[in-house]
Amino acid sequence: MKSTDRIYSSSIKISQEEISYKYRYSRKAIHLRLQISRGNELELILPRGYELKEAENFILAKSDWIKKHLHSRSVKEKNYYYFGSEIKVEQEFALFIKKHNIHFESNTLKIISPEDSTIELEILYNAWLKNHAKNYLQERTSELAHQFDFRINKVTVRGQKTRWGSCSARGNISFNYMLLKYRKEIIDYVIIHELCHLKEMNHSKYFWALVEKFCPSFNNLRKELKGKNNF
């Protein structure tokens, strides 16, 4: 029985071309799985007890798919952030799946996509970020509102192009999901900024004094936020 933790290397000849691939045995795997990473690396995941020879026959049967996709995935260098820290974003393309599988662990966002997906990696990252921003920003806003005795009506999360947040006279607050790229102290400043608009719907001296009362370091955080708009 092969170890479920070890990754093996091998190669196979497809149409007179020697193709290198990695394979591993997985306790969780129910079916044989073939995928291509963003680094144009072919990987085979086998259920326990599956014979490698049978797996290689499967590779040969999927040779057209492999040739089509193995060298067509270009890696676009881009930086990705989550709560102020740079993270890795890895994408793999797999057969037999219909939806994107996205999960975050060990500072890496791992995305497994259907083999025919044409959705850009950045779009998938942004969709994941927005989903997490909804939960975090709504919960954190409620916490700070309770802590500083503000009454809010509704909190929404959107993808505004020019604003980090906004507040209406009815007590509705909206935030930009891109805030989750920044460290939590900066996010708290933006939340407090909008909460203070519940009492002062302008940027008067009284407003900034109110912000400073609840966020003494707001000025430095504000400058940091402006200086990192290239995130």
Protein backbone atom coordinates (compact mmCIF):
# COMPACT_ATOMS: atom_id res chain seq x y z
CA MET A 1 0.00 0.00 0.00
CA LYS A 2 1.35 3.40 -0.94
CA SER A 3 1.66 6.15 1.65
CA THR A 4 -1.12 8.75 1.40
CA ASP A 5 1.32 11.53 2.24
CA ARG A 6 4.05 10.93 -0.30
CA ILE A 7 4.14 12.46 -3.79
CA TYR A 8 5.75 10.36 -6.52
CA SER A 9 7.17 11.40 -9.89
CA SER A 10 6.95 9.51 -13.14
CA SER A 11 6.61 10.05 -16.88
CA ILE A 12 4.65 8.66 -19.78
CA LYS A 13 4.98 8.95 -23.55
CA ILE A 14 2.05 10.63 -25.31
CA SER A 15 2.25 11.02 -29.10
CA GLN A 16 6.04 10.61 -29.07
CA GLU A 17 6.37 13.24 -26.32
CA GLU A 18 7.65 12.35 -22.87
CA ILE A 19 5.26 13.86 -20.33
CA SER A 20 6.30 14.14 -16.69
CA TYR A 21 3.65 13.87 -14.02
CA LYS A 22 3.26 13.53 -10.28
CA TYR A 23 0.95 11.13 -8.53
CA ARG A 24 -0.21 10.45 -5.01
CA TYR A 25 -2.60 8.15 -3.17
CA SER A 26 -5.40 9.75 -1.20
CA ARG A 27 -7.69 8.28 1.46
CA LYS A 28 -10.35 10.83 0.50
CA ALA A 29 -10.32 10.03 -3.23
CA ILE A 30 -13.26 7.97 -4.45
CA HIS A 31 -12.47 8.15 -8.15
CA LEU A 32 -9.28 8.54 -10.13
CA ARG A 33 -8.58 12.23 -10.68
CA LEU A 34 -6.40 14.03 -13.20
CA GLN A 35 -5.58 17.73 -12.89
CA ILE A 36 -3.26 20.41 -14.20
CA SER A 37 -1.81 23.05 -11.90
CA ARG A 38 -1.19 26.70 -12.76
CA GLY A 39 2.47 25.80 -13.13
CA ASN A 40 1.60 23.47 -16.03
CA GLU A 41 2.20 20.38 -13.94
CA LEU A 42 0.21 17.21 -14.49
CA GLU A 43 -0.95 15.48 -11.31
CA LEU A 44 -2.76 12.20 -10.76
CA ILE A 45 -4.69 11.45 -7.55
CA LEU A 46 -5.46 7.79 -6.97
CA PRO A 47 -7.83 6.07 -4.52
CA ARG A 48 -6.10 3.65 -2.16
CA GLY A 49 -5.33 0.32 -3.76
CA TYR A 50 -5.61 1.61 -7.32
CA GLU A 51 -2.99 0.14 -9.66
CA LEU A 52 -0.67 2.68 -11.26
CA LYS A 53 -0.76 0.76 -14.56
CA GLU A 54 -4.52 1.28 -14.76
CA ALA A 55 -4.00 4.95 -13.96
CA GLU A 56 -1.52 5.29 -16.81
CA ASN A 57 -4.08 3.79 -19.19
CA PHE A 58 -6.44 6.47 -17.98
CA ILE A 59 -3.81 9.14 -18.76
CA LEU A 60 -3.43 7.78 -22.29
CA ALA A 61 -7.20 7.80 -22.74
CA LYS A 62 -7.21 11.49 -21.79
CA SER A 63 -4.24 12.40 -23.97
CA ASP A 64 -6.23 14.88 -26.08
CA TRP A 65 -7.34 16.76 -22.97
CA ILE A 66 -3.78 16.78 -21.61
CA LYS A 67 -2.23 18.09 -24.83
CA LYS A 68 -4.90 20.77 -25.10
CA HIS A 69 -4.53 22.13 -21.59
CA LEU A 70 -1.07 21.24 -20.31
CA HIS A 71 0.82 24.01 -22.08
CA SER A 72 -2.00 26.50 -22.56
CA ARG A 73 -2.26 27.77 -18.98
CA SER A 74 -0.18 30.93 -18.69
CA VAL A 75 0.76 32.06 -15.21
CA LYS A 76 0.04 35.73 -14.66
CA GLU A 77 2.10 37.16 -11.84
CA LYS A 78 -0.06 39.14 -9.42
CA ASN A 79 -0.07 39.82 -5.72
CA TYR A 80 -3.03 38.74 -3.61
CA TYR A 81 -3.83 39.88 -0.07
CA TYR A 82 -6.02 38.81 2.84
CA PHE A 83 -6.23 40.88 6.04
CA GLY A 84 -3.05 42.75 5.14
CA SER A 85 -0.89 39.69 4.43
CA GLU A 86 0.16 38.50 1.01
CA ILE A 87 -1.22 35.04 0.25
CA LYS A 88 -0.61 32.44 -2.40
CA VAL A 89 -3.36 31.66 -4.88
CA GLU A 90 -3.09 28.30 -6.61
CA GLN A 91 -5.38 27.04 -9.32
CA GLU A 92 -5.74 23.53 -10.68
CA PHE A 93 -7.91 22.20 -13.49
CA ALA A 94 -9.60 18.87 -13.00
CA LEU A 95 -11.78 16.48 -14.95
CA PHE A 96 -15.23 15.41 -13.81
CA ILE A 97 -16.11 18.45 -11.72
CA LYS A 98 -18.81 20.99 -12.60
CA LYS A 99 -18.15 23.77 -10.07
CA HIS A 100 -15.13 25.61 -8.72
CA ASN A 101 -13.90 24.27 -5.39
CA ILE A 102 -12.26 27.02 -3.32
CA HIS A 103 -10.76 26.73 0.16
CA PHE A 104 -8.16 28.58 2.21
CA GLU A 105 -5.52 26.93 4.33
CA SER A 106 -1.90 27.54 5.37
CA ASN A 107 -1.90 31.04 3.83
CA THR A 108 -2.86 29.59 0.45
CA LEU A 109 -6.10 29.97 -1.47
CA LYS A 110 -6.54 26.73 -3.39
CA ILE A 111 -8.87 26.72 -6.36
CA ILE A 112 -9.83 23.57 -8.26
CA SER A 113 -11.64 24.49 -11.47
CA PRO A 114 -13.53 22.51 -14.12
CA GLU A 115 -11.20 21.63 -16.98
CA ASP A 116 -13.07 23.83 -19.46
CA SER A 117 -13.29 26.90 -17.22
CA THR A 118 -12.30 30.22 -18.81
CA ILE A 119 -12.94 32.36 -15.73
CA GLU A 120 -9.87 34.40 -14.82
CA LEU A 121 -8.10 33.62 -11.58
CA GLU A 122 -8.54 37.17 -10.27
CA ILE A 123 -12.32 36.94 -10.73
CA LEU A 124 -12.42 33.74 -8.65
CA TYR A 125 -10.25 35.31 -5.96
CA ASN A 126 -12.50 38.40 -5.82
CA ALA A 127 -15.63 36.24 -5.57
CA TRP A 128 -14.11 34.36 -2.63
CA LEU A 129 -13.01 37.63 -1.00
CA LYS A 130 -16.47 39.17 -1.36
CA ASN A 131 -18.15 36.15 0.17
CA HIS A 132 -15.89 36.30 3.25
CA ALA A 133 -16.18 40.09 3.45
CA LYS A 134 -19.97 39.86 3.84
CA ASN A 135 -19.70 37.78 6.99
CA TYR A 136 -16.73 39.56 8.51
CA LEU A 137 -17.79 43.16 7.87
CA GLN A 138 -21.35 42.62 9.03
CA GLU A 139 -20.25 40.91 12.24
CA ARG A 140 -17.45 43.37 13.00
CA THR A 141 -19.70 46.38 12.36
CA SER A 142 -22.27 45.00 14.80
CA GLU A 143 -19.54 44.45 17.40
CA LEU A 144 -18.17 48.01 17.13
CA ALA A 145 -21.64 49.54 17.02
CA HIS A 146 -22.53 47.76 20.25
CA GLN A 147 -19.19 48.67 21.84
CA PHE A 148 -19.52 52.40 21.06
CA ASP A 149 -23.31 52.63 21.37
CA PHE A 150 -24.26 53.26 17.74
CA ARG A 151 -27.55 52.11 16.28
CA ILE A 152 -27.36 50.68 12.78
CA ASN A 153 -30.12 49.48 10.49
CA LYS A 154 -28.55 47.35 7.77
CA VAL A 155 -25.02 46.53 6.62
CA THR A 156 -24.34 45.57 3.01
CA VAL A 157 -21.14 44.66 1.17
CA ARG A 158 -20.59 45.66 -2.45
CA GLY A 159 -17.87 46.31 -5.00
CA GLN A 160 -17.78 50.10 -5.20
CA LYS A 161 -15.12 51.54 -7.48
CA THR A 162 -14.43 54.79 -5.64
CA ARG A 163 -15.55 54.32 -2.03
CA TRP A 164 -14.52 52.17 0.91
CA GLY A 165 -17.82 52.78 2.62
CA SER A 166 -20.95 54.89 2.80
CA CYS A 167 -23.68 55.68 5.31
CA SER A 168 -27.27 56.82 4.80
CA ALA A 169 -29.51 58.91 7.04
CA ARG A 170 -31.62 55.79 7.61
CA GLY A 171 -28.73 54.03 9.31
CA ASN A 172 -27.78 51.81 6.37
CA ILE A 173 -24.05 51.27 5.95
CA SER A 174 -22.33 49.84 2.89
CA PHE A 175 -18.73 48.64 2.60
CA ASN A 176 -16.40 47.71 -0.23
CA TYR A 177 -15.45 44.03 -0.04
CA MET A 178 -11.89 44.95 -1.09
CA LEU A 179 -11.38 46.11 2.50
CA LEU A 180 -10.57 42.51 3.36
CA LYS A 181 -7.24 42.98 1.61
CA TYR A 182 -6.18 45.28 4.46
CA ARG A 183 -5.17 44.57 8.02
CA LYS A 184 -7.90 44.54 10.64
CA GLU A 185 -6.89 47.85 12.24
CA ILE A 186 -7.51 49.65 8.95
CA ILE A 187 -10.83 47.87 8.49
CA ASP A 188 -11.88 48.96 11.99
CA TYR A 189 -11.02 52.57 11.14
CA VAL A 190 -13.27 52.48 8.04
CA ILE A 191 -16.10 50.92 10.05
CA ILE A 192 -15.78 53.53 12.80
CA HIS A 193 -15.63 56.26 10.16
CA GLU A 194 -19.00 55.19 8.77
CA LEU A 195 -20.50 54.66 12.23
CA CYS A 196 -19.60 58.25 13.14
CA HIS A 197 -21.54 59.44 10.10
CA LEU A 198 -24.65 58.19 11.88
CA LYS A 199 -24.23 61.17 14.20
CA GLU A 200 -22.55 63.61 11.82
CA MET A 201 -23.35 63.32 8.10
CA ASN A 202 -20.38 65.41 6.99
CA HIS A 203 -16.63 65.78 7.58
CA SER A 204 -16.71 68.64 10.02
CA LYS A 205 -14.28 69.15 12.90
CA TYR A 206 -16.85 67.57 15.18
CA PHE A 207 -16.98 64.49 12.95
CA TRP A 208 -13.20 63.97 13.00
CA ALA A 209 -13.13 64.54 16.75
CA LEU A 210 -15.73 61.78 17.07
CA VAL A 211 -13.66 59.43 14.90
CA GLU A 212 -10.57 60.15 17.01
CA LYS A 213 -12.51 59.44 20.19
CA PHE A 214 -13.19 55.86 19.09
CA CYS A 215 -10.07 55.39 16.94
CA PRO A 216 -7.16 57.49 18.32
CA SER A 217 -4.73 56.35 15.60
CA PHE A 218 -7.18 57.06 12.75
CA ASN A 219 -4.90 59.59 11.06
CA ASN A 220 -2.06 57.09 10.53
CA LEU A 221 -4.49 54.39 9.49
CA ARG A 222 -6.14 56.76 7.03
CA LYS A 223 -2.78 57.60 5.46
CA GLU A 224 -1.87 53.92 5.25
CA LEU A 225 -5.15 53.14 3.52
CA LYS A 226 -4.56 55.88 0.94
CA GLY A 227 -1.01 54.71 0.37
CA LYS A 228 -2.04 51.14 -0.42
CA ASN A 229 -4.66 51.74 -3.07
CA ASN A 230 -2.54 49.66 -5.44
CA PHE A 231 -3.60 46.46 -3.66
